[in-house]
């Protein structure tokens, strides 16, 4: 994954600092436990694919330093991000939706894309 996660020692479930959110999201494509995939583009576009059906949305870091996403026409949510680390390497992210408290994990399926 190039230099991502190698600048300093990152521990498992450590919160992703606001300054590192974009790098963490764009470091590779994500594969979720339910088989869905998602990519985050550096321009703020995201594509979520579930059962072969793609949905396009937008992502951003809000003025409070939180990762948020918008899915037209009106769904907006913000998340706490935590690193997933195995054997000293960042392998993905844990997403916890702030309003609902639901948590899901995404593992990098194609590291090094950024």
PDB file of N, CA and C in Angstrom:
ATOM      1  N   UNK A   1       0.827  -1.171   0.000  1.00  0.00           N
ATOM      2  CA  UNK A   1       0.000   0.000   0.000  1.00  0.00           C
ATOM      3  C   UNK A   1       0.876   1.241   0.000  1.00  0.00           C
ATOM      4  N   UNK A   2       1.894   1.271  -0.768  1.00  0.00           N
ATOM      5  CA  UNK A   2       2.873   2.345  -0.853  1.00  0.00           C
ATOM      6  C   UNK A   2       3.294   2.775   0.549  1.00  0.00           C
ATOM      7  N   UNK A   3       3.226   4.067   0.859  1.00  0.00           N
ATOM      8  CA  UNK A   3       3.658   4.540   2.172  1.00  0.00           C
ATOM      9  C   UNK A   3       2.526   4.632   3.181  1.00  0.00           C
ATOM     10  N   UNK A   4       1.307   4.298   2.762  1.00  0.00           N
ATOM     11  CA  UNK A   4       0.169   4.406   3.670  1.00  0.00           C
ATOM     12  C   UNK A   4       0.375   3.503   4.878  1.00  0.00           C
ATOM     13  N   UNK A   5       0.194   4.060   6.057  1.00  0.00           N
ATOM     14  CA  UNK A   5       0.301   3.299   7.293  1.00  0.00           C
ATOM     15  C   UNK A   5       1.728   3.009   7.708  1.00  0.00           C
ATOM     16  N   UNK A   6       2.714   3.513   6.989  1.00  0.00           N
ATOM     17  CA  UNK A   6       4.105   3.232   7.323  1.00  0.00           C
ATOM     18  C   UNK A   6       4.827   4.463   7.866  1.00  0.00           C
ATOM     19  N   UNK A   7       4.134   5.588   7.928  1.00  0.00           N
ATOM     20  CA  UNK A   7       4.752   6.813   8.426  1.00  0.00           C
ATOM     21  C   UNK A   7       5.020   6.719   9.927  1.00  0.00           C
ATOM     22  N   UNK A   8       4.181   5.989  10.616  1.00  0.00           N
ATOM     23  CA  UNK A   8       4.311   5.812  12.065  1.00  0.00           C
ATOM     24  C   UNK A   8       3.625   4.506  12.435  1.00  0.00           C
ATOM     25  N   UNK A   9       3.862   4.043  13.634  1.00  0.00           N
ATOM     26  CA  UNK A   9       3.232   2.810  14.096  1.00  0.00           C
ATOM     27  C   UNK A   9       1.756   3.079  14.371  1.00  0.00           C
ATOM     28  N   UNK A  10       0.875   2.350  13.706  1.00  0.00           N
ATOM     29  CA  UNK A  10      -0.565   2.473  13.904  1.00  0.00           C
ATOM     30  C   UNK A  10      -1.048   1.202  14.579  1.00  0.00           C
ATOM     31  N   UNK A  11      -1.894   1.346  15.600  1.00  0.00           N
ATOM     32  CA  UNK A  11      -2.403   0.182  16.310  1.00  0.00           C
ATOM     33  C   UNK A  11      -3.810  -0.158  15.863  1.00  0.00           C
ATOM     34  N   UNK A  12      -4.200  -1.406  16.067  1.00  0.00           N
ATOM     35  CA  UNK A  12      -5.522  -1.874  15.679  1.00  0.00           C
ATOM     36  C   UNK A  12      -6.602  -1.097  16.406  1.00  0.00           C
ATOM     37  N   UNK A  13      -7.602  -0.666  15.666  1.00  0.00           N
ATOM     38  CA  UNK A  13      -8.771   0.092  16.134  1.00  0.00           C
ATOM     39  C   UNK A  13      -8.426   1.496  16.591  1.00  0.00           C
ATOM     40  N   UNK A  14      -7.248   1.990  16.250  1.00  0.00           N
ATOM     41  CA  UNK A  14      -6.880   3.368  16.537  1.00  0.00           C
ATOM     42  C   UNK A  14      -7.725   4.293  15.658  1.00  0.00           C
ATOM     43  N   UNK A  15      -8.272   5.376  16.211  1.00  0.00           N
ATOM     44  CA  UNK A  15      -9.058   6.303  15.385  1.00  0.00           C
ATOM     45  C   UNK A  15      -8.201   6.910  14.278  1.00  0.00           C
ATOM     46  N   UNK A  16      -8.815   7.104  13.123  1.00  0.00           N
ATOM     47  CA  UNK A  16      -8.137   7.752  12.002  1.00  0.00           C
ATOM     48  C   UNK A  16      -8.228   9.262  12.220  1.00  0.00           C
ATOM     49  N   UNK A  17      -7.097   9.957  12.335  1.00  0.00           N
ATOM     50  CA  UNK A  17      -7.148  11.412  12.505  1.00  0.00           C
ATOM     51  C   UNK A  17      -7.750  12.079  11.265  1.00  0.00           C
ATOM     52  N   UNK A  18      -8.405  13.205  11.469  1.00  0.00           N
ATOM     53  CA  UNK A  18      -9.049  13.920  10.365  1.00  0.00           C
ATOM     54  C   UNK A  18      -8.075  14.173   9.216  1.00  0.00           C
ATOM     55  N   UNK A  19      -6.831  14.497   9.529  1.00  0.00           N
ATOM     56  CA  UNK A  19      -5.844  14.800   8.495  1.00  0.00           C
ATOM     57  C   UNK A  19      -5.503  13.588   7.638  1.00  0.00           C
ATOM     58  N   UNK A  20      -5.794  12.379   8.126  1.00  0.00           N
ATOM     59  CA  UNK A  20      -5.447  11.142   7.411  1.00  0.00           C
ATOM     60  C   UNK A  20      -6.648  10.452   6.767  1.00  0.00           C
ATOM     61  N   UNK A  21      -7.841  11.006   6.929  1.00  0.00           N
ATOM     62  CA  UNK A  21      -9.051  10.348   6.419  1.00  0.00           C
ATOM     63  C   UNK A  21      -8.992  10.145   4.912  1.00  0.00           C
ATOM     64  N   UNK A  22      -8.654  11.171   4.157  1.00  0.00           N
ATOM     65  CA  UNK A  22      -8.627  11.044   2.693  1.00  0.00           C
ATOM     66  C   UNK A  22      -7.639   9.970   2.262  1.00  0.00           C
ATOM     67  N   UNK A  23      -6.464   9.950   2.851  1.00  0.00           N
ATOM     68  CA  UNK A  23      -5.463   8.945   2.503  1.00  0.00           C
ATOM     69  C   UNK A  23      -5.948   7.540   2.839  1.00  0.00           C
ATOM     70  N   UNK A  24      -6.590   7.386   3.988  1.00  0.00           N
ATOM     71  CA  UNK A  24      -7.088   6.067   4.403  1.00  0.00           C
ATOM     72  C   UNK A  24      -8.200   5.567   3.479  1.00  0.00           C
ATOM     73  N   UNK A  25      -9.082   6.458   3.047  1.00  0.00           N
ATOM     74  CA  UNK A  25     -10.192   6.059   2.185  1.00  0.00           C
ATOM     75  C   UNK A  25      -9.749   5.752   0.764  1.00  0.00           C
ATOM     76  N   UNK A  26      -8.773   6.473   0.264  1.00  0.00           N
ATOM     77  CA  UNK A  26      -8.360   6.314  -1.134  1.00  0.00           C
ATOM     78  C   UNK A  26      -7.178   5.376  -1.312  1.00  0.00           C
ATOM     79  N   UNK A  27      -6.731   4.724  -0.245  1.00  0.00           N
ATOM     80  CA  UNK A  27      -5.566   3.828  -0.317  1.00  0.00           C
ATOM     81  C   UNK A  27      -5.849   2.558  -1.103  1.00  0.00           C
ATOM     82  N   UNK A  28      -7.111   2.203  -1.318  1.00  0.00           N
ATOM     83  CA  UNK A  28      -7.467   1.004  -2.063  1.00  0.00           C
ATOM     84  C   UNK A  28      -8.965   0.802  -2.066  1.00  0.00           C
ATOM     85  N   UNK A  29      -9.417  -0.136  -2.856  1.00  0.00           N
ATOM     86  CA  UNK A  29     -10.838  -0.493  -2.877  1.00  0.00           C
ATOM     87  C   UNK A  29     -11.163  -1.298  -1.625  1.00  0.00           C
ATOM     88  N   UNK A  30     -12.397  -1.179  -1.155  1.00  0.00           N
ATOM     89  CA  UNK A  30     -12.819  -1.899   0.044  1.00  0.00           C
ATOM     90  C   UNK A  30     -13.707  -3.076  -0.323  1.00  0.00           C
ATOM     91  N   UNK A  31     -13.540  -4.160   0.408  1.00  0.00           N
ATOM     92  CA  UNK A  31     -14.416  -5.323   0.334  1.00  0.00           C
ATOM     93  C   UNK A  31     -15.031  -5.480   1.715  1.00  0.00           C
ATOM     94  N   UNK A  32     -16.374  -5.485   1.775  1.00  0.00           N
ATOM     95  CA  UNK A  32     -17.080  -5.595   3.042  1.00  0.00           C
ATOM     96  C   UNK A  32     -17.477  -7.043   3.308  1.00  0.00           C
ATOM     97  N   UNK A  33     -17.800  -7.331   4.565  1.00  0.00           N
ATOM     98  CA  UNK A  33     -18.143  -8.697   4.980  1.00  0.00           C
ATOM     99  C   UNK A  33     -19.303  -9.287   4.195  1.00  0.00           C
ATOM    100  N   UNK A  34     -20.235  -8.450   3.735  1.00  0.00           N
ATOM    101  CA  UNK A  34     -21.402  -8.955   3.008  1.00  0.00           C
ATOM    102  C   UNK A  34     -21.136  -9.122   1.508  1.00  0.00           C
ATOM    103  N   UNK A  35     -19.884  -8.872   1.075  1.00  0.00           N
ATOM    104  CA  UNK A  35     -19.527  -9.032  -0.328  1.00  0.00           C
ATOM    105  C   UNK A  35     -19.615  -7.762  -1.145  1.00  0.00           C
ATOM    106  N   UNK A  36     -20.169  -6.697  -0.588  1.00  0.00           N
ATOM    107  CA  UNK A  36     -20.239  -5.423  -1.291  1.00  0.00           C
ATOM    108  C   UNK A  36     -18.826  -4.841  -1.409  1.00  0.00           C
ATOM    109  N   UNK A  37     -18.641  -3.968  -2.394  1.00  0.00           N
ATOM    110  CA  UNK A  37     -17.363  -3.288  -2.576  1.00  0.00           C
ATOM    111  C   UNK A  37     -17.594  -1.784  -2.640  1.00  0.00           C
ATOM    112  N   UNK A  38     -16.534  -1.034  -2.391  1.00  0.00           N
ATOM    113  CA  UNK A  38     -16.646   0.419  -2.463  1.00  0.00           C
ATOM    114  C   UNK A  38     -15.290   1.016  -2.789  1.00  0.00           C
ATOM    115  N   UNK A  39     -15.328   2.048  -3.623  1.00  0.00           N
ATOM    116  CA  UNK A  39     -14.134   2.827  -3.913  1.00  0.00           C
ATOM    117  C   UNK A  39     -14.398   4.278  -3.558  1.00  0.00           C
ATOM    118  N   UNK A  40     -13.352   4.943  -3.135  1.00  0.00           N
ATOM    119  CA  UNK A  40     -13.400   6.366  -2.806  1.00  0.00           C
ATOM    120  C   UNK A  40     -12.375   7.066  -3.682  1.00  0.00           C
ATOM    121  N   UNK A  41     -12.826   8.039  -4.448  1.00  0.00           N
ATOM    122  CA  UNK A  41     -11.950   8.792  -5.335  1.00  0.00           C
ATOM    123  C   UNK A  41     -11.452  10.035  -4.604  1.00  0.00           C
ATOM    124  N   UNK A  42     -10.263  10.483  -4.944  1.00  0.00           N
ATOM    125  CA  UNK A  42      -9.699  11.673  -4.310  1.00  0.00           C
ATOM    126  C   UNK A  42     -10.522  12.934  -4.563  1.00  0.00           C
ATOM    127  N   UNK A  43     -11.366  12.917  -5.586  1.00  0.00           N
ATOM    128  CA  UNK A  43     -12.204  14.086  -5.903  1.00  0.00           C
ATOM    129  C   UNK A  43     -13.469  14.162  -5.049  1.00  0.00           C
ATOM    130  N   UNK A  44     -13.731  13.142  -4.211  1.00  0.00           N
ATOM    131  CA  UNK A  44     -14.915  13.161  -3.358  1.00  0.00           C
ATOM    132  C   UNK A  44     -16.057  12.303  -3.858  1.00  0.00           C
ATOM    133  N   UNK A  45     -15.817  11.516  -4.886  1.00  0.00           N
ATOM    134  CA  UNK A  45     -16.835  10.598  -5.400  1.00  0.00           C
ATOM    135  C   UNK A  45     -16.617   9.226  -4.783  1.00  0.00           C
ATOM    136  N   UNK A  46     -17.696   8.513  -4.516  1.00  0.00           N
ATOM    137  CA  UNK A  46     -17.597   7.137  -4.045  1.00  0.00           C
ATOM    138  C   UNK A  46     -18.595   6.282  -4.815  1.00  0.00           C
ATOM    139  N   UNK A  47     -18.215   5.038  -5.069  1.00  0.00           N
ATOM    140  CA  UNK A  47     -19.098   4.085  -5.743  1.00  0.00           C
ATOM    141  C   UNK A  47     -19.189   2.842  -4.864  1.00  0.00           C
ATOM    142  N   UNK A  48     -20.422   2.500  -4.502  1.00  0.00           N
ATOM    143  CA  UNK A  48     -20.721   1.323  -3.677  1.00  0.00           C
ATOM    144  C   UNK A  48     -21.426   0.319  -4.575  1.00  0.00           C
ATOM    145  N   UNK A  49     -20.929  -0.909  -4.597  1.00  0.00           N
ATOM    146  CA  UNK A  49     -21.519  -1.941  -5.454  1.00  0.00           C
ATOM    147  C   UNK A  49     -22.007  -3.083  -4.576  1.00  0.00           C
ATOM    148  N   UNK A  50     -23.317  -3.328  -4.644  1.00  0.00           N
ATOM    149  CA  UNK A  50     -23.944  -4.403  -3.873  1.00  0.00           C
ATOM    150  C   UNK A  50     -24.753  -5.263  -4.831  1.00  0.00           C
ATOM    151  N   UNK A  51     -24.485  -6.576  -4.842  1.00  0.00           N
ATOM    152  CA  UNK A  51     -25.162  -7.515  -5.744  1.00  0.00           C
ATOM    153  C   UNK A  51     -25.064  -7.068  -7.199  1.00  0.00           C
ATOM    154  N   UNK A  52     -23.901  -6.521  -7.569  1.00  0.00           N
ATOM    155  CA  UNK A  52     -23.674  -6.098  -8.940  1.00  0.00           C
ATOM    156  C   UNK A  52     -24.286  -4.765  -9.321  1.00  0.00           C
ATOM    157  N   UNK A  53     -24.964  -4.106  -8.391  1.00  0.00           N
ATOM    158  CA  UNK A  53     -25.613  -2.820  -8.675  1.00  0.00           C
ATOM    159  C   UNK A  53     -24.799  -1.673  -8.077  1.00  0.00           C
ATOM    160  N   UNK A  54     -24.233  -0.820  -8.939  1.00  0.00           N
ATOM    161  CA  UNK A  54     -23.456   0.312  -8.418  1.00  0.00           C
ATOM    162  C   UNK A  54     -24.349   1.489  -8.025  1.00  0.00           C
ATOM    163  N   UNK A  55     -23.956   2.166  -6.971  1.00  0.00           N
ATOM    164  CA  UNK A  55     -24.601   3.394  -6.525  1.00  0.00           C
ATOM    165  C   UNK A  55     -23.508   4.428  -6.325  1.00  0.00           C
ATOM    166  N   UNK A  56     -23.690   5.612  -6.867  1.00  0.00           N
ATOM    167  CA  UNK A  56     -22.679   6.655  -6.738  1.00  0.00           C
ATOM    168  C   UNK A  56     -23.101   7.683  -5.707  1.00  0.00           C
ATOM    169  N   UNK A  57     -22.159   8.061  -4.864  1.00  0.00           N
ATOM    170  CA  UNK A  57     -22.391   9.079  -3.852  1.00  0.00           C
ATOM    171  C   UNK A  57     -21.200  10.003  -3.750  1.00  0.00           C
ATOM    172  N   UNK A  58     -21.194  10.777  -2.694  1.00  0.00           N
ATOM    173  CA  UNK A  58     -20.118  11.720  -2.434  1.00  0.00           C
ATOM    174  C   UNK A  58     -19.616  11.514  -1.012  1.00  0.00           C
ATOM    175  N   UNK A  59     -18.341  11.780  -0.804  1.00  0.00           N
ATOM    176  CA  UNK A  59     -17.785  11.731   0.547  1.00  0.00           C
ATOM    177  C   UNK A  59     -16.993  13.026   0.799  1.00  0.00           C
ATOM    178  N   UNK A  60     -16.859  13.358   2.087  1.00  0.00           N
ATOM    179  CA  UNK A  60     -16.134  14.569   2.465  1.00  0.00           C
ATOM    180  C   UNK A  60     -15.771  14.482   3.945  1.00  0.00           C
ATOM    181  N   UNK A  61     -14.876  15.355   4.348  1.00  0.00           N
ATOM    182  CA  UNK A  61     -14.546  15.513   5.762  1.00  0.00           C
ATOM    183  C   UNK A  61     -15.215  16.822   6.187  1.00  0.00           C
ATOM    184  N   UNK A  62     -16.099  16.717   7.192  1.00  0.00           N
ATOM    185  CA  UNK A  62     -16.853  17.916   7.581  1.00  0.00           C
ATOM    186  C   UNK A  62     -16.017  18.863   8.449  1.00  0.00           C
ATOM    187  N   UNK A  63     -16.615  19.975   8.851  1.00  0.00           N
ATOM    188  CA  UNK A  63     -15.887  20.991   9.616  1.00  0.00           C
ATOM    189  C   UNK A  63     -15.536  20.538  11.032  1.00  0.00           C
ATOM    190  N   UNK A  64     -16.059  19.383  11.444  1.00  0.00           N
ATOM    191  CA  UNK A  64     -15.704  18.805  12.745  1.00  0.00           C
ATOM    192  C   UNK A  64     -14.644  17.711  12.594  1.00  0.00           C
ATOM    193  N   UNK A  65     -14.155  17.514  11.374  1.00  0.00           N
ATOM    194  CA  UNK A  65     -13.116  16.520  11.130  1.00  0.00           C
ATOM    195  C   UNK A  65     -13.628  15.096  11.034  1.00  0.00           C
ATOM    196  N   UNK A  66     -14.902  14.938  10.677  1.00  0.00           N
ATOM    197  CA  UNK A  66     -15.505  13.607  10.576  1.00  0.00           C
ATOM    198  C   UNK A  66     -15.681  13.214   9.115  1.00  0.00           C
ATOM    199  N   UNK A  67     -15.568  11.919   8.833  1.00  0.00           N
ATOM    200  CA  UNK A  67     -15.856  11.403   7.510  1.00  0.00           C
ATOM    201  C   UNK A  67     -17.367  11.336   7.348  1.00  0.00           C
ATOM    202  N   UNK A  68     -17.878  11.916   6.262  1.00  0.00           N
ATOM    203  CA  UNK A  68     -19.310  11.892   5.994  1.00  0.00           C
ATOM    204  C   UNK A  68     -19.546  11.489   4.543  1.00  0.00           C
ATOM    205  N   UNK A  69     -20.729  10.962   4.284  1.00  0.00           N
ATOM    206  CA  UNK A  69     -21.089  10.608   2.913  1.00  0.00           C
ATOM    207  C   UNK A  69     -22.513  11.093   2.623  1.00  0.00           C
ATOM    208  N   UNK A  70     -22.751  11.319   1.335  1.00  0.00           N
ATOM    209  CA  UNK A  70     -24.057  11.760   0.866  1.00  0.00           C
ATOM    210  C   UNK A  70     -24.458  10.853  -0.292  1.00  0.00           C
ATOM    211  N   UNK A  71     -25.671  10.306  -0.197  1.00  0.00           N
ATOM    212  CA  UNK A  71     -26.210   9.436  -1.239  1.00  0.00           C
ATOM    213  C   UNK A  71     -27.527  10.040  -1.708  1.00  0.00           C
ATOM    214  N   UNK A  72     -27.546  10.522  -2.949  1.00  0.00           N
ATOM    215  CA  UNK A  72     -28.767  11.148  -3.480  1.00  0.00           C
ATOM    216  C   UNK A  72     -29.959  10.192  -3.407  1.00  0.00           C
ATOM    217  N   UNK A  73     -31.146  10.693  -3.162  1.00  0.00           N
ATOM    218  CA  UNK A  73     -31.435  12.120  -3.176  1.00  0.00           C
ATOM    219  C   UNK A  73     -31.226  12.809  -1.829  1.00  0.00           C
ATOM    220  N   UNK A  74     -31.209  12.067  -0.684  1.00  0.00           N
ATOM    221  CA  UNK A  74     -31.198  12.799   0.581  1.00  0.00           C
ATOM    222  C   UNK A  74     -30.477  12.112   1.738  1.00  0.00           C
ATOM    223  N   UNK A  75     -29.860  10.943   1.535  1.00  0.00           N
ATOM    224  CA  UNK A  75     -29.250  10.251   2.673  1.00  0.00           C
ATOM    225  C   UNK A  75     -27.856  10.800   2.957  1.00  0.00           C
ATOM    226  N   UNK A  76     -27.644  11.243   4.180  1.00  0.00           N
ATOM    227  CA  UNK A  76     -26.368  11.788   4.613  1.00  0.00           C
ATOM    228  C   UNK A  76     -26.031  11.138   5.951  1.00  0.00           C
ATOM    229  N   UNK A  77     -24.773  10.729   6.122  1.00  0.00           N
ATOM    230  CA  UNK A  77     -24.351  10.110   7.377  1.00  0.00           C
ATOM    231  C   UNK A  77     -22.890  10.440   7.642  1.00  0.00           C
ATOM    232  N   UNK A  78     -22.525  10.489   8.916  1.00  0.00           N
ATOM    233  CA  UNK A  78     -21.138  10.707   9.313  1.00  0.00           C
ATOM    234  C   UNK A  78     -20.677   9.510  10.137  1.00  0.00           C
ATOM    235  N   UNK A  79     -19.383   9.231  10.060  1.00  0.00           N
ATOM    236  CA  UNK A  79     -18.821   8.024  10.648  1.00  0.00           C
ATOM    237  C   UNK A  79     -17.540   8.320  11.408  1.00  0.00           C
ATOM    238  N   UNK A  80     -17.313   7.515  12.434  1.00  0.00           N
ATOM    239  CA  UNK A  80     -16.013   7.456  13.069  1.00  0.00           C
ATOM    240  C   UNK A  80     -15.251   6.364  12.331  1.00  0.00           C
ATOM    241  N   UNK A  81     -14.006   6.630  11.978  1.00  0.00           N
ATOM    242  CA  UNK A  81     -13.174   5.643  11.295  1.00  0.00           C
ATOM    243  C   UNK A  81     -12.073   5.166  12.227  1.00  0.00           C
ATOM    244  N   UNK A  82     -11.840   3.866  12.205  1.00  0.00           N
ATOM    245  CA  UNK A  82     -10.734   3.277  12.963  1.00  0.00           C
ATOM    246  C   UNK A  82      -9.951   2.355  12.037  1.00  0.00           C
ATOM    247  N   UNK A  83      -8.646   2.345  12.232  1.00  0.00           N
ATOM    248  CA  UNK A  83      -7.788   1.472  11.433  1.00  0.00           C
ATOM    249  C   UNK A  83      -7.976   0.006  11.829  1.00  0.00           C
ATOM    250  N   UNK A  84      -7.944  -0.879  10.849  1.00  0.00           N
ATOM    251  CA  UNK A  84      -7.844  -2.313  11.087  1.00  0.00           C
ATOM    252  C   UNK A  84      -6.400  -2.687  10.800  1.00  0.00           C
ATOM    253  N   UNK A  85      -5.727  -3.268  11.775  1.00  0.00           N
ATOM    254  CA  UNK A  85      -4.308  -3.581  11.643  1.00  0.00           C
ATOM    255  C   UNK A  85      -4.075  -5.054  11.955  1.00  0.00           C
ATOM    256  N   UNK A  86      -3.339  -5.724  11.087  1.00  0.00           N
ATOM    257  CA  UNK A  86      -2.908  -7.109  11.323  1.00  0.00           C
ATOM    258  C   UNK A  86      -1.426  -7.194  11.031  1.00  0.00           C
ATOM    259  N   UNK A  87      -0.681  -7.801  11.943  1.00  0.00           N
ATOM    260  CA  UNK A  87       0.762  -7.966  11.784  1.00  0.00           C
ATOM    261  C   UNK A  87       1.455  -6.647  11.455  1.00  0.00           C
ATOM    262  N   UNK A  88       1.009  -5.568  12.086  1.00  0.00           N
ATOM    263  CA  UNK A  88       1.625  -4.269  11.912  1.00  0.00           C
ATOM    264  C   UNK A  88       1.281  -3.544  10.625  1.00  0.00           C
ATOM    265  N   UNK A  89       0.372  -4.093   9.813  1.00  0.00           N
ATOM    266  CA  UNK A  89      -0.011  -3.472   8.547  1.00  0.00           C
ATOM    267  C   UNK A  89      -1.481  -3.088   8.570  1.00  0.00           C
ATOM    268  N   UNK A  90      -1.773  -1.888   8.066  1.00  0.00           N
ATOM    269  CA  UNK A  90      -3.164  -1.440   7.958  1.00  0.00           C
ATOM    270  C   UNK A  90      -3.820  -2.237   6.835  1.00  0.00           C
ATOM    271  N   UNK A  91      -4.880  -2.981   7.172  1.00  0.00           N
ATOM    272  CA  UNK A  91      -5.541  -3.839   6.173  1.00  0.00           C
ATOM    273  C   UNK A  91      -6.935  -3.349   5.807  1.00  0.00           C
ATOM    274  N   UNK A  92      -7.408  -2.291   6.487  1.00  0.00           N
ATOM    275  CA  UNK A  92      -8.738  -1.779   6.200  1.00  0.00           C
ATOM    276  C   UNK A  92      -9.176  -0.789   7.249  1.00  0.00           C
ATOM    277  N   UNK A  93     -10.477  -0.520   7.244  1.00  0.00           N
ATOM    278  CA  UNK A  93     -11.048   0.447   8.173  1.00  0.00           C
ATOM    279  C   UNK A  93     -12.328  -0.099   8.801  1.00  0.00           C
ATOM    280  N   UNK A  94     -12.596   0.348  10.012  1.00  0.00           N
ATOM    281  CA  UNK A  94     -13.859   0.082  10.688  1.00  0.00           C
ATOM    282  C   UNK A  94     -14.653   1.388  10.659  1.00  0.00           C
ATOM    283  N   UNK A  95     -15.893   1.310  10.185  1.00  0.00           N
ATOM    284  CA  UNK A  95     -16.771   2.465  10.048  1.00  0.00           C
ATOM    285  C   UNK A  95     -17.880   2.354  11.101  1.00  0.00           C
ATOM    286  N   UNK A  96     -18.054   3.371  11.932  1.00  0.00           N
ATOM    287  CA  UNK A  96     -19.155   3.395  12.892  1.00  0.00           C
ATOM    288  C   UNK A  96     -19.998   4.632  12.606  1.00  0.00           C
ATOM    289  N   UNK A  97     -21.248   4.396  12.208  1.00  0.00           N
ATOM    290  CA  UNK A  97     -22.146   5.512  11.911  1.00  0.00           C
ATOM    291  C   UNK A  97     -22.498   6.218  13.213  1.00  0.00           C
ATOM    292  N   UNK A  98     -22.297   7.516  13.238  1.00  0.00           N
ATOM    293  CA  UNK A  98     -22.442   8.264  14.483  1.00  0.00           C
ATOM    294  C   UNK A  98     -23.876   8.350  14.971  1.00  0.00           C
ATOM    295  N   UNK A  99     -24.862   8.457  14.099  1.00  0.00           N
ATOM    296  CA  UNK A  99     -26.256   8.571  14.541  1.00  0.00           C
ATOM    297  C   UNK A  99     -26.854   7.237  14.958  1.00  0.00           C
ATOM    298  N   UNK A 100     -26.544   6.183  14.235  1.00  0.00           N
ATOM    299  CA  UNK A 100     -27.160   4.882  14.503  1.00  0.00           C
ATOM    300  C   UNK A 100     -26.285   3.958  15.344  1.00  0.00           C
ATOM    301  N   UNK A 101     -24.980   4.192  15.336  1.00  0.00           N
ATOM    302  CA  UNK A 101     -24.077   3.339  16.088  1.00  0.00           C
ATOM    303  C   UNK A 101     -23.747   2.030  15.398  1.00  0.00           C
ATOM    304  N   UNK A 102     -24.251   1.822  14.182  1.00  0.00           N
ATOM    305  CA  UNK A 102     -23.946   0.581  13.471  1.00  0.00           C
ATOM    306  C   UNK A 102     -22.497   0.609  12.991  1.00  0.00           C
ATOM    307  N   UNK A 103     -21.849  -0.561  13.071  1.00  0.00           N
ATOM    308  CA  UNK A 103     -20.445  -0.680  12.714  1.00  0.00           C
ATOM    309  C   UNK A 103     -20.276  -1.732  11.636  1.00  0.00           C
ATOM    310  N   UNK A 104     -19.413  -1.445  10.666  1.00  0.00           N
ATOM    311  CA  UNK A 104     -19.061  -2.430   9.648  1.00  0.00           C
ATOM    312  C   UNK A 104     -17.593  -2.252   9.300  1.00  0.00           C
ATOM    313  N   UNK A 105     -16.999  -3.301   8.753  1.00  0.00           N
ATOM    314  CA  UNK A 105     -15.583  -3.260   8.425  1.00  0.00           C
ATOM    315  C   UNK A 105     -15.376  -3.428   6.929  1.00  0.00           C
ATOM    316  N   UNK A 106     -14.410  -2.702   6.431  1.00  0.00           N
ATOM    317  CA  UNK A 106     -14.007  -2.810   5.039  1.00  0.00           C
ATOM    318  C   UNK A 106     -12.525  -3.123   4.976  1.00  0.00           C
ATOM    319  N   UNK A 107     -12.198  -4.183   4.259  1.00  0.00           N
ATOM    320  CA  UNK A 107     -10.789  -4.552   4.073  1.00  0.00           C
ATOM    321  C   UNK A 107     -10.356  -4.108   2.692  1.00  0.00           C
ATOM    322  N   UNK A 108      -9.107  -3.643   2.617  1.00  0.00           N
ATOM    323  CA  UNK A 108      -8.588  -3.248   1.315  1.00  0.00           C
ATOM    324  C   UNK A 108      -8.493  -4.483   0.427  1.00  0.00           C
ATOM    325  N   UNK A 109      -9.155  -4.421  -0.729  1.00  0.00           N
ATOM    326  CA  UNK A 109      -9.088  -5.552  -1.656  1.00  0.00           C
ATOM    327  C   UNK A 109      -8.072  -5.313  -2.755  1.00  0.00           C
ATOM    328  N   UNK A 110      -7.715  -4.059  -2.991  1.00  0.00           N
ATOM    329  CA  UNK A 110      -6.719  -3.724  -3.999  1.00  0.00           C
ATOM    330  C   UNK A 110      -5.817  -2.632  -3.421  1.00  0.00           C
ATOM    331  N   UNK A 111      -4.923  -2.994  -2.508  1.00  0.00           N
ATOM    332  CA  UNK A 111      -4.072  -1.985  -1.881  1.00  0.00           C
ATOM    333  C   UNK A 111      -3.147  -1.313  -2.880  1.00  0.00           C
ATOM    334  N   UNK A 112      -2.786  -0.105  -2.546  1.00  0.00           N
ATOM    335  CA  UNK A 112      -1.803   0.604  -3.330  1.00  0.00           C
ATOM    336  C   UNK A 112      -2.345   1.369  -4.504  1.00  0.00           C
ATOM    337  N   UNK A 113      -3.648   1.598  -4.556  1.00  0.00           N
ATOM    338  CA  UNK A 113      -4.227   2.301  -5.698  1.00  0.00           C
ATOM    339  C   UNK A 113      -4.031   3.804  -5.635  1.00  0.00           C
ATOM    340  N   UNK A 114      -3.733   4.324  -4.467  1.00  0.00           N
ATOM    341  CA  UNK A 114      -3.629   5.782  -4.355  1.00  0.00           C
ATOM    342  C   UNK A 114      -2.317   6.300  -4.891  1.00  0.00           C
TER     343      UNK A 114
END
